[in-house]
Each structure stands twice: as structure tokens, then as C-alpha cells.
Amino acid sequence: MKLMIASDIHGSAYYCRKMAEAFEKEQADRLLLLGDLLYHGPRNDLPKDYDPRAVIAQLNAMKDRIFSVRGNCDTEVDQMVLEFPIMAEYCILNEGSRLIYGTHGHHFNADSPLPMQPGDILLHGHTHIPAWEPFGDHNLYLNPGSVSIPKAGTAHSYMILEDQRAKWKTLDGEVYHFLNLGKV
């Protein structure tokens, strides 16, 4: 299965549309959203074309291909307007002999991980900075970066997970990092 992973849309209709276009171009089977879908949050400036209602319509049009976890800016009110579940604190994916724990990152992160076995992977957004770093007992932390509000000079980005390989891409589809998860 080909999985596209994205985080931190923060209500930007423009970047949500670019993400949806990338999803179609990638021909991914599913889209995993790592939270912060509609609201920009009190610490962020308004992203380009901030329009949560348009983001709701765009995401609901893709509802059968999306699964999501809750970000620190996501609320029960957001769940009332989105037609797919967003309130889970984390999800678990099976990637070969490893488990991947997908979460937003505000509760569970490399400093405060979920109960993980050696070799498991922690995947989260929240920081708006792409990452591929070892931590703990032979664990790996991955972050797709942010769709709409990248930080630390990074690109508007997402990640593709397929056949034990992770690729970080700009919203224009340019690969800027590759990692073979079977050899890490």
C-alpha cells in the first residue's frame, strides 16, 4: 500500500488544495493526516488563503481515503464538521517487522514516546520541521514537515511511505530526502 502522510494544514485552502493535488498525482491509496487541520493556532500567523470552510469541503470530498489523528489545534467542533474521524490520539501502522506509531506530537514525541519496542518508529507532525532521526533504543523519529506553515526554512512538504521506504517531498513533488526503513 502507498501511503501519503501530511500534517499541519492549519486551515489553508491554498495548501490543502496543493496537498490534494499531490495526493492524486502520487496515486496513493490513503492519506494519513497528523493533525492541526482547520485552525491556525494562537502561535502561528494566518496561512495563505486561510479558509477553514473551504478546507472542510476539500477534506470531506476525500473522506473515504483519509484517516487522521488529533492535533493540539483540533477540537470536538472540528469533528462535528469533518466526515471522517479526527479525535484519536494516535494510530498504529504495521511496516514490515516494525510498528509505526502515528500521532500529532504535542503529547507523544521522542522525549515522551508511546510504549515502543526497539526498532519501532514514532511518526509525528507538530514541529512543522521534517525529521528522520534515531532516538531511544534503536527507534526512529519521522516527521513529514508542514503542509502550510513550514518552519526553520523548510519546504511545504509531505511524506510517502511505500514498501519500507520513506520519501520526503515538496508539495510540487520534488524528493528532498529518502530513507530505506528496512535498513535503519
N, C-alpha and C. Protein backbone atom coordinates (compact mmCIF):
# COMPACT_ATOMS: atom_id res chain seq x y z
N MET A 1 0.83 -1.18 0.00
CA MET A 1 0.00 0.00 0.00
C MET A 1 0.88 1.25 0.00
N LYS A 2 0.48 2.22 -0.77
CA LYS A 2 1.18 3.50 -0.83
C LYS A 2 0.41 4.49 0.04
N LEU A 3 1.11 5.04 1.02
CA LEU A 3 0.51 5.95 1.99
C LEU A 3 1.15 7.33 1.88
N MET A 4 0.32 8.35 1.74
CA MET A 4 0.81 9.73 1.80
C MET A 4 0.54 10.24 3.21
N ILE A 5 1.54 10.91 3.81
CA ILE A 5 1.43 11.41 5.17
C ILE A 5 1.66 12.92 5.15
N ALA A 6 0.72 13.65 5.76
CA ALA A 6 0.82 15.10 5.80
C ALA A 6 0.37 15.61 7.16
N SER A 7 0.79 16.82 7.49
CA SER A 7 0.46 17.38 8.79
C SER A 7 0.32 18.90 8.70
N ASP A 8 -0.42 19.44 9.64
CA ASP A 8 -0.44 20.88 9.88
C ASP A 8 -0.91 21.70 8.68
N ILE A 9 -2.15 21.43 8.25
CA ILE A 9 -2.80 22.22 7.19
C ILE A 9 -3.20 23.59 7.75
N HIS A 10 -3.63 23.63 8.96
CA HIS A 10 -3.98 24.87 9.68
C HIS A 10 -4.95 25.78 8.92
N GLY A 11 -5.93 25.19 8.25
CA GLY A 11 -6.99 25.98 7.63
C GLY A 11 -6.65 26.66 6.32
N SER A 12 -5.51 26.34 5.72
CA SER A 12 -5.12 26.97 4.46
C SER A 12 -5.77 26.24 3.27
N ALA A 13 -6.74 26.92 2.64
CA ALA A 13 -7.39 26.33 1.47
C ALA A 13 -6.40 26.15 0.33
N TYR A 14 -5.49 27.10 0.17
CA TYR A 14 -4.50 27.02 -0.90
C TYR A 14 -3.61 25.78 -0.74
N TYR A 15 -3.02 25.60 0.44
CA TYR A 15 -2.11 24.47 0.64
C TYR A 15 -2.85 23.14 0.77
N CYS A 16 -4.09 23.17 1.23
CA CYS A 16 -4.89 21.94 1.24
C CYS A 16 -5.14 21.48 -0.19
N ARG A 17 -5.45 22.42 -1.06
CA ARG A 17 -5.66 22.10 -2.48
C ARG A 17 -4.38 21.53 -3.10
N LYS A 18 -3.23 22.16 -2.80
CA LYS A 18 -1.95 21.65 -3.32
C LYS A 18 -1.67 20.24 -2.78
N MET A 19 -2.00 20.00 -1.51
CA MET A 19 -1.82 18.67 -0.92
C MET A 19 -2.73 17.65 -1.62
N ALA A 20 -3.98 18.01 -1.86
CA ALA A 20 -4.92 17.10 -2.54
C ALA A 20 -4.45 16.81 -3.97
N GLU A 21 -3.91 17.81 -4.64
CA GLU A 21 -3.37 17.60 -5.99
C GLU A 21 -2.17 16.65 -5.94
N ALA A 22 -1.30 16.83 -4.96
CA ALA A 22 -0.15 15.93 -4.80
C ALA A 22 -0.62 14.51 -4.51
N PHE A 23 -1.66 14.38 -3.69
CA PHE A 23 -2.21 13.06 -3.36
C PHE A 23 -2.70 12.35 -4.63
N GLU A 24 -3.40 13.07 -5.46
CA GLU A 24 -3.89 12.47 -6.72
C GLU A 24 -2.73 12.13 -7.65
N LYS A 25 -1.76 13.03 -7.76
CA LYS A 25 -0.61 12.79 -8.62
C LYS A 25 0.19 11.58 -8.14
N GLU A 26 0.33 11.43 -6.83
CA GLU A 26 1.06 10.30 -6.25
C GLU A 26 0.33 8.97 -6.45
N GLN A 27 -0.97 9.05 -6.67
CA GLN A 27 -1.83 7.86 -6.75
C GLN A 27 -1.67 7.00 -5.50
N ALA A 28 -1.65 7.67 -4.35
CA ALA A 28 -1.55 6.97 -3.07
C ALA A 28 -2.89 6.33 -2.75
N ASP A 29 -2.83 5.24 -1.98
CA ASP A 29 -4.05 4.54 -1.59
C ASP A 29 -4.80 5.28 -0.48
N ARG A 30 -4.04 5.82 0.47
CA ARG A 30 -4.62 6.51 1.62
C ARG A 30 -3.81 7.74 1.98
N LEU A 31 -4.47 8.66 2.69
CA LEU A 31 -3.83 9.86 3.20
C LEU A 31 -3.95 9.86 4.72
N LEU A 32 -2.82 9.84 5.40
CA LEU A 32 -2.79 9.94 6.86
C LEU A 32 -2.49 11.39 7.21
N LEU A 33 -3.40 12.02 7.95
CA LEU A 33 -3.22 13.39 8.40
C LEU A 33 -2.84 13.37 9.88
N LEU A 34 -1.75 14.05 10.22
CA LEU A 34 -1.23 14.04 11.58
C LEU A 34 -1.67 15.25 12.39
N GLY A 35 -2.87 15.73 12.14
CA GLY A 35 -3.48 16.76 12.98
C GLY A 35 -3.27 18.19 12.54
N ASP A 36 -3.95 19.08 13.28
CA ASP A 36 -3.99 20.52 13.05
C ASP A 36 -4.51 20.82 11.64
N LEU A 37 -5.77 20.47 11.45
CA LEU A 37 -6.38 20.54 10.13
C LEU A 37 -7.01 21.90 9.80
N LEU A 38 -7.79 22.47 10.73
CA LEU A 38 -8.61 23.63 10.38
C LEU A 38 -8.17 24.95 11.01
N TYR A 39 -7.72 24.94 12.23
CA TYR A 39 -7.41 26.18 12.95
C TYR A 39 -5.93 26.50 12.85
N HIS A 40 -5.60 27.79 12.72
CA HIS A 40 -4.19 28.18 12.56
C HIS A 40 -3.42 28.17 13.88
N GLY A 41 -4.11 28.23 15.00
CA GLY A 41 -3.44 28.21 16.29
C GLY A 41 -2.98 29.59 16.71
N PRO A 42 -2.88 29.83 18.02
CA PRO A 42 -2.55 31.16 18.51
C PRO A 42 -1.09 31.57 18.31
N ARG A 43 -0.21 30.60 18.03
CA ARG A 43 1.21 30.94 17.86
C ARG A 43 1.61 31.11 16.41
N ASN A 44 0.69 30.85 15.48
CA ASN A 44 1.01 30.92 14.05
C ASN A 44 0.32 32.12 13.41
N ASP A 45 0.96 32.69 12.43
CA ASP A 45 0.30 33.69 11.60
C ASP A 45 -0.74 32.97 10.74
N LEU A 46 -1.67 33.73 10.19
CA LEU A 46 -2.65 33.13 9.29
C LEU A 46 -1.92 32.60 8.06
N PRO A 47 -2.18 31.34 7.68
CA PRO A 47 -1.55 30.82 6.47
C PRO A 47 -2.23 31.38 5.22
N LYS A 48 -1.57 31.21 4.09
CA LYS A 48 -2.09 31.68 2.81
C LYS A 48 -3.51 31.14 2.59
N ASP A 49 -4.42 32.01 2.17
CA ASP A 49 -5.81 31.66 1.89
C ASP A 49 -6.45 30.91 3.06
N TYR A 50 -6.34 31.46 4.25
CA TYR A 50 -6.96 30.85 5.43
C TYR A 50 -8.46 30.82 5.24
N ASP A 51 -9.01 29.62 5.12
CA ASP A 51 -10.44 29.44 4.87
C ASP A 51 -10.84 28.04 5.34
N PRO A 52 -11.03 27.88 6.64
CA PRO A 52 -11.37 26.56 7.17
C PRO A 52 -12.59 25.92 6.50
N ARG A 53 -13.58 26.71 6.11
CA ARG A 53 -14.77 26.13 5.45
C ARG A 53 -14.39 25.48 4.12
N ALA A 54 -13.51 26.11 3.38
CA ALA A 54 -13.07 25.51 2.11
C ALA A 54 -12.25 24.25 2.38
N VAL A 55 -11.44 24.25 3.44
CA VAL A 55 -10.66 23.06 3.81
C VAL A 55 -11.61 21.93 4.20
N ILE A 56 -12.65 22.24 4.94
CA ILE A 56 -13.65 21.23 5.32
C ILE A 56 -14.20 20.57 4.06
N ALA A 57 -14.63 21.37 3.09
CA ALA A 57 -15.20 20.83 1.85
C ALA A 57 -14.18 19.98 1.10
N GLN A 58 -12.93 20.44 1.02
CA GLN A 58 -11.90 19.68 0.31
C GLN A 58 -11.63 18.34 0.98
N LEU A 59 -11.48 18.36 2.30
CA LEU A 59 -11.18 17.12 3.01
C LEU A 59 -12.38 16.17 3.01
N ASN A 60 -13.59 16.68 3.18
CA ASN A 60 -14.77 15.81 3.17
C ASN A 60 -14.95 15.15 1.81
N ALA A 61 -14.53 15.80 0.74
CA ALA A 61 -14.61 15.20 -0.59
C ALA A 61 -13.69 13.99 -0.72
N MET A 62 -12.68 13.90 0.17
CA MET A 62 -11.71 12.79 0.14
C MET A 62 -11.91 11.83 1.31
N LYS A 63 -12.98 11.96 2.04
CA LYS A 63 -13.17 11.30 3.34
C LYS A 63 -12.95 9.79 3.32
N ASP A 64 -13.24 9.13 2.24
CA ASP A 64 -13.09 7.67 2.19
C ASP A 64 -11.64 7.22 2.06
N ARG A 65 -10.75 8.16 1.81
CA ARG A 65 -9.33 7.80 1.63
C ARG A 65 -8.44 8.41 2.71
N ILE A 66 -9.06 9.07 3.71
CA ILE A 66 -8.32 9.76 4.77
C ILE A 66 -8.48 9.02 6.09
N PHE A 67 -7.39 8.94 6.85
CA PHE A 67 -7.51 8.69 8.28
C PHE A 67 -6.61 9.69 8.98
N SER A 68 -6.95 10.01 10.23
CA SER A 68 -6.34 11.16 10.87
C SER A 68 -6.19 10.93 12.37
N VAL A 69 -5.26 11.68 12.96
CA VAL A 69 -5.13 11.76 14.41
C VAL A 69 -5.36 13.21 14.81
N ARG A 70 -5.61 13.42 16.08
CA ARG A 70 -5.93 14.74 16.61
C ARG A 70 -4.68 15.55 16.89
N GLY A 71 -4.69 16.80 16.44
CA GLY A 71 -3.62 17.72 16.77
C GLY A 71 -4.02 18.62 17.92
N ASN A 72 -3.10 19.41 18.41
CA ASN A 72 -3.39 20.29 19.53
C ASN A 72 -4.35 21.42 19.16
N CYS A 73 -4.51 21.70 17.87
CA CYS A 73 -5.46 22.73 17.44
C CYS A 73 -6.79 22.15 16.98
N ASP A 74 -6.96 20.84 17.04
CA ASP A 74 -8.20 20.20 16.61
C ASP A 74 -9.14 20.03 17.80
N THR A 75 -10.43 20.28 17.57
CA THR A 75 -11.41 20.25 18.66
C THR A 75 -12.61 19.38 18.29
N GLU A 76 -13.47 19.19 19.28
CA GLU A 76 -14.70 18.45 19.03
C GLU A 76 -15.59 19.17 18.02
N VAL A 77 -15.53 20.49 17.99
CA VAL A 77 -16.29 21.25 17.00
C VAL A 77 -15.80 20.91 15.59
N ASP A 78 -14.49 20.76 15.43
CA ASP A 78 -13.94 20.37 14.13
C ASP A 78 -14.48 19.00 13.72
N GLN A 79 -14.56 18.09 14.67
CA GLN A 79 -15.08 16.74 14.36
C GLN A 79 -16.53 16.80 13.90
N MET A 80 -17.27 17.77 14.39
CA MET A 80 -18.68 17.90 14.00
C MET A 80 -18.85 18.25 12.53
N VAL A 81 -17.86 18.89 11.92
CA VAL A 81 -17.99 19.31 10.52
C VAL A 81 -17.18 18.43 9.56
N LEU A 82 -16.25 17.65 10.08
CA LEU A 82 -15.48 16.74 9.24
C LEU A 82 -16.14 15.37 9.23
N GLU A 83 -16.20 14.75 8.08
CA GLU A 83 -16.94 13.50 7.90
C GLU A 83 -16.05 12.26 8.00
N PHE A 84 -14.92 12.37 8.69
CA PHE A 84 -14.04 11.25 8.96
C PHE A 84 -13.49 11.48 10.37
N PRO A 85 -13.12 10.42 11.08
CA PRO A 85 -12.67 10.58 12.47
C PRO A 85 -11.34 11.32 12.56
N ILE A 86 -11.26 12.27 13.54
CA ILE A 86 -10.01 13.01 13.76
C ILE A 86 -9.59 13.02 15.22
N MET A 87 -10.33 12.38 16.11
CA MET A 87 -10.12 12.56 17.54
C MET A 87 -9.18 11.54 18.19
N ALA A 88 -8.66 10.58 17.45
CA ALA A 88 -7.73 9.60 18.05
C ALA A 88 -6.40 10.26 18.38
N GLU A 89 -5.82 9.92 19.51
CA GLU A 89 -4.53 10.47 19.92
C GLU A 89 -3.38 9.88 19.09
N TYR A 90 -3.56 8.65 18.61
CA TYR A 90 -2.53 8.02 17.78
C TYR A 90 -3.13 6.89 16.98
N CYS A 91 -2.39 6.44 15.98
CA CYS A 91 -2.74 5.26 15.20
C CYS A 91 -1.51 4.37 15.12
N ILE A 92 -1.72 3.12 14.79
CA ILE A 92 -0.61 2.18 14.67
C ILE A 92 -0.63 1.58 13.27
N LEU A 93 0.52 1.64 12.60
CA LEU A 93 0.69 1.06 11.27
C LEU A 93 1.72 -0.05 11.35
N ASN A 94 1.52 -1.08 10.56
CA ASN A 94 2.48 -2.17 10.50
C ASN A 94 3.35 -1.97 9.27
N GLU A 95 4.66 -1.86 9.46
CA GLU A 95 5.59 -1.67 8.35
C GLU A 95 6.67 -2.73 8.44
N GLY A 96 6.44 -3.85 7.76
CA GLY A 96 7.38 -4.97 7.84
C GLY A 96 7.37 -5.53 9.25
N SER A 97 8.54 -5.64 9.84
CA SER A 97 8.64 -6.17 11.21
C SER A 97 8.55 -5.07 12.26
N ARG A 98 8.29 -3.84 11.84
CA ARG A 98 8.24 -2.70 12.76
C ARG A 98 6.81 -2.17 12.87
N LEU A 99 6.54 -1.53 13.99
CA LEU A 99 5.31 -0.78 14.14
C LEU A 99 5.63 0.70 14.00
N ILE A 100 4.72 1.42 13.39
CA ILE A 100 4.82 2.87 13.29
C ILE A 100 3.67 3.46 14.11
N TYR A 101 4.03 4.30 15.06
CA TYR A 101 3.04 4.99 15.87
C TYR A 101 2.88 6.39 15.31
N GLY A 102 1.72 6.68 14.71
CA GLY A 102 1.44 7.99 14.15
C GLY A 102 0.65 8.82 15.14
N THR A 103 1.13 10.01 15.43
CA THR A 103 0.48 10.91 16.38
C THR A 103 0.79 12.35 15.97
N HIS A 104 0.22 13.31 16.65
CA HIS A 104 0.50 14.70 16.28
C HIS A 104 1.85 15.16 16.80
N GLY A 105 2.19 14.81 18.03
CA GLY A 105 3.49 15.18 18.57
C GLY A 105 3.44 16.09 19.78
N HIS A 106 2.27 16.62 20.10
CA HIS A 106 2.19 17.52 21.25
C HIS A 106 2.13 16.75 22.56
N HIS A 107 1.62 15.52 22.56
CA HIS A 107 1.63 14.67 23.76
C HIS A 107 2.73 13.62 23.68
N PHE A 108 2.78 12.93 22.57
CA PHE A 108 3.75 11.85 22.38
C PHE A 108 4.79 12.30 21.38
N ASN A 109 6.06 12.20 21.77
CA ASN A 109 7.18 12.62 20.92
C ASN A 109 8.43 11.88 21.38
N ALA A 110 9.58 12.21 20.84
CA ALA A 110 10.81 11.49 21.20
C ALA A 110 11.17 11.65 22.67
N ASP A 111 10.78 12.76 23.28
CA ASP A 111 11.04 12.96 24.71
C ASP A 111 9.99 12.27 25.58
N SER A 112 8.83 12.01 25.03
CA SER A 112 7.73 11.38 25.76
C SER A 112 7.01 10.41 24.82
N PRO A 113 7.67 9.29 24.44
CA PRO A 113 7.09 8.40 23.43
C PRO A 113 6.00 7.48 24.00
N LEU A 114 5.25 6.93 23.09
CA LEU A 114 4.32 5.85 23.44
C LEU A 114 5.16 4.63 23.83
N PRO A 115 4.55 3.62 24.47
CA PRO A 115 5.32 2.40 24.78
C PRO A 115 5.76 1.72 23.47
N MET A 116 7.04 1.76 23.21
CA MET A 116 7.57 1.25 21.95
C MET A 116 8.60 0.16 22.21
N GLN A 117 8.69 -0.76 21.28
CA GLN A 117 9.71 -1.80 21.30
C GLN A 117 10.91 -1.31 20.51
N PRO A 118 12.09 -1.87 20.76
CA PRO A 118 13.26 -1.50 19.95
C PRO A 118 12.95 -1.70 18.46
N GLY A 119 13.29 -0.71 17.66
CA GLY A 119 13.06 -0.77 16.22
C GLY A 119 11.77 -0.10 15.77
N ASP A 120 10.84 0.17 16.69
CA ASP A 120 9.60 0.83 16.30
C ASP A 120 9.86 2.27 15.88
N ILE A 121 8.90 2.83 15.16
CA ILE A 121 9.03 4.17 14.59
C ILE A 121 7.97 5.09 15.18
N LEU A 122 8.39 6.28 15.55
CA LEU A 122 7.48 7.32 16.01
C LEU A 122 7.34 8.34 14.88
N LEU A 123 6.13 8.56 14.44
CA LEU A 123 5.83 9.47 13.33
C LEU A 123 4.94 10.58 13.85
N HIS A 124 5.39 11.82 13.76
CA HIS A 124 4.50 12.91 14.16
C HIS A 124 4.82 14.20 13.43
N GLY A 125 3.84 15.12 13.49
CA GLY A 125 3.97 16.45 12.93
C GLY A 125 4.30 17.43 14.04
N HIS A 126 3.47 18.45 14.20
CA HIS A 126 3.51 19.42 15.29
C HIS A 126 4.65 20.42 15.23
N THR A 127 5.87 20.00 14.96
CA THR A 127 7.01 20.93 14.96
C THR A 127 7.10 21.74 13.67
N HIS A 128 6.45 21.26 12.61
CA HIS A 128 6.48 21.89 11.29
C HIS A 128 7.87 21.78 10.65
N ILE A 129 8.69 20.87 11.14
CA ILE A 129 10.05 20.68 10.63
C ILE A 129 10.24 19.20 10.27
N PRO A 130 10.55 18.88 9.02
CA PRO A 130 10.78 17.49 8.64
C PRO A 130 11.91 16.87 9.47
N ALA A 131 11.78 15.57 9.74
CA ALA A 131 12.82 14.90 10.55
C ALA A 131 12.90 13.42 10.21
N TRP A 132 14.08 12.87 10.41
CA TRP A 132 14.39 11.44 10.27
C TRP A 132 15.56 11.17 11.19
N GLU A 133 15.29 11.00 12.47
CA GLU A 133 16.33 10.92 13.49
C GLU A 133 16.18 9.69 14.36
N PRO A 134 17.29 9.01 14.66
CA PRO A 134 17.23 7.91 15.63
C PRO A 134 17.05 8.47 17.04
N PHE A 135 16.41 7.68 17.90
CA PHE A 135 16.28 8.05 19.30
C PHE A 135 16.04 6.77 20.11
N GLY A 136 16.20 6.87 21.41
CA GLY A 136 15.88 5.76 22.31
C GLY A 136 16.63 4.49 21.99
N ASP A 137 15.93 3.36 22.16
CA ASP A 137 16.50 2.03 21.99
C ASP A 137 16.32 1.55 20.55
N HIS A 138 17.13 2.08 19.66
CA HIS A 138 17.08 1.72 18.23
C HIS A 138 15.74 2.10 17.60
N ASN A 139 15.16 3.21 18.05
CA ASN A 139 13.92 3.71 17.47
C ASN A 139 14.23 4.82 16.49
N LEU A 140 13.21 5.19 15.74
CA LEU A 140 13.36 6.21 14.71
C LEU A 140 12.20 7.19 14.81
N TYR A 141 12.52 8.48 14.73
CA TYR A 141 11.51 9.53 14.73
C TYR A 141 11.44 10.12 13.32
N LEU A 142 10.23 10.15 12.76
CA LEU A 142 10.00 10.72 11.43
C LEU A 142 8.96 11.83 11.52
N ASN A 143 9.14 12.87 10.73
CA ASN A 143 8.20 13.98 10.68
C ASN A 143 8.09 14.44 9.22
N PRO A 144 6.85 14.52 8.69
CA PRO A 144 6.70 14.95 7.29
C PRO A 144 6.86 16.44 7.06
N GLY A 145 6.99 17.23 8.13
CA GLY A 145 7.01 18.67 7.98
C GLY A 145 5.59 19.21 7.95
N SER A 146 5.41 20.42 7.47
CA SER A 146 4.09 21.06 7.45
C SER A 146 3.64 21.35 6.03
N VAL A 147 2.36 21.12 5.80
CA VAL A 147 1.77 21.46 4.51
C VAL A 147 1.72 22.97 4.33
N SER A 148 1.27 23.70 5.36
CA SER A 148 1.00 25.13 5.15
C SER A 148 1.91 26.12 5.88
N ILE A 149 2.51 25.73 6.99
CA ILE A 149 3.32 26.67 7.76
C ILE A 149 4.66 26.02 8.12
N PRO A 150 5.52 25.74 7.14
CA PRO A 150 6.81 25.13 7.46
C PRO A 150 7.68 26.08 8.28
N LYS A 151 8.51 25.51 9.10
CA LYS A 151 9.39 26.32 9.94
C LYS A 151 10.85 25.96 9.69
N ALA A 152 11.75 26.79 10.20
CA ALA A 152 13.21 26.60 10.11
C ALA A 152 13.68 26.56 8.65
N GLY A 153 13.02 27.32 7.78
CA GLY A 153 13.44 27.41 6.39
C GLY A 153 13.16 26.17 5.56
N THR A 154 12.28 25.28 6.04
CA THR A 154 11.97 24.06 5.30
C THR A 154 10.84 24.30 4.30
N ALA A 155 10.65 23.35 3.40
CA ALA A 155 9.65 23.46 2.34
C ALA A 155 8.27 23.03 2.83
N HIS A 156 7.24 23.49 2.14
CA HIS A 156 5.88 22.97 2.32
C HIS A 156 5.98 21.52 1.85
N SER A 157 5.65 20.56 2.73
CA SER A 157 6.02 19.18 2.39
C SER A 157 5.06 18.13 2.90
N TYR A 158 5.30 16.92 2.43
CA TYR A 158 4.60 15.71 2.84
C TYR A 158 5.57 14.54 2.73
N MET A 159 5.09 13.37 3.09
CA MET A 159 5.93 12.18 3.07
C MET A 159 5.16 11.05 2.38
N ILE A 160 5.87 10.19 1.67
CA ILE A 160 5.30 8.99 1.08
C ILE A 160 5.93 7.78 1.76
N LEU A 161 5.10 6.84 2.15
CA LEU A 161 5.56 5.59 2.76
C LEU A 161 5.07 4.44 1.88
N GLU A 162 6.03 3.68 1.34
CA GLU A 162 5.67 2.56 0.46
C GLU A 162 6.82 1.56 0.44
N ASP A 163 6.50 0.28 0.61
CA ASP A 163 7.49 -0.79 0.52
C ASP A 163 8.72 -0.54 1.40
N GLN A 164 8.47 -0.16 2.65
CA GLN A 164 9.52 0.09 3.64
C GLN A 164 10.49 1.20 3.21
N ARG A 165 9.97 2.14 2.42
CA ARG A 165 10.76 3.30 2.02
C ARG A 165 9.96 4.56 2.35
N ALA A 166 10.65 5.55 2.86
CA ALA A 166 10.03 6.84 3.14
C ALA A 166 10.68 7.89 2.25
N LYS A 167 9.85 8.72 1.63
CA LYS A 167 10.34 9.83 0.80
C LYS A 167 9.70 11.11 1.29
N TRP A 168 10.52 12.12 1.50
CA TRP A 168 10.03 13.45 1.84
C TRP A 168 10.00 14.25 0.56
N LYS A 169 8.86 14.91 0.31
CA LYS A 169 8.68 15.65 -0.94
C LYS A 169 8.11 17.04 -0.68
N THR A 170 8.48 17.97 -1.54
CA THR A 170 7.82 19.27 -1.52
C THR A 170 6.43 19.10 -2.10
N LEU A 171 5.55 20.07 -1.89
CA LEU A 171 4.21 19.97 -2.45
C LEU A 171 4.22 19.95 -3.97
N ASP A 172 5.33 20.33 -4.59
CA ASP A 172 5.47 20.23 -6.04
C ASP A 172 5.95 18.85 -6.48
N GLY A 173 6.20 17.95 -5.53
CA GLY A 173 6.59 16.58 -5.85
C GLY A 173 8.08 16.32 -5.90
N GLU A 174 8.89 17.30 -5.58
CA GLU A 174 10.35 17.13 -5.61
C GLU A 174 10.81 16.37 -4.36
N VAL A 175 11.52 15.26 -4.57
CA VAL A 175 12.06 14.48 -3.46
C VAL A 175 13.27 15.20 -2.88
N TYR A 176 13.27 15.43 -1.57
CA TYR A 176 14.44 16.06 -0.95
C TYR A 176 15.10 15.19 0.11
N HIS A 177 14.46 14.05 0.44
CA HIS A 177 15.12 13.08 1.32
C HIS A 177 14.48 11.72 1.10
N PHE A 178 15.29 10.67 1.25
CA PHE A 178 14.85 9.30 1.06
C PHE A 178 15.44 8.45 2.17
N LEU A 179 14.67 7.51 2.70
CA LEU A 179 15.15 6.63 3.76
C LEU A 179 14.59 5.23 3.55
N ASN A 180 15.48 4.25 3.52
CA ASN A 180 15.06 2.86 3.44
C ASN A 180 14.85 2.36 4.87
N LEU A 181 13.61 2.16 5.27
CA LEU A 181 13.29 1.79 6.64
C LEU A 181 13.70 0.35 6.96
N GLY A 182 13.90 -0.46 5.96
CA GLY A 182 14.32 -1.83 6.18
C GLY A 182 15.80 -1.94 6.58
N LYS A 183 16.56 -0.85 6.38
CA LYS A 183 18.00 -0.89 6.68
C LYS A 183 18.37 0.03 7.84
N VAL A 184 17.39 0.63 8.48
CA VAL A 184 17.68 1.56 9.57
C VAL A 184 17.68 0.82 10.89
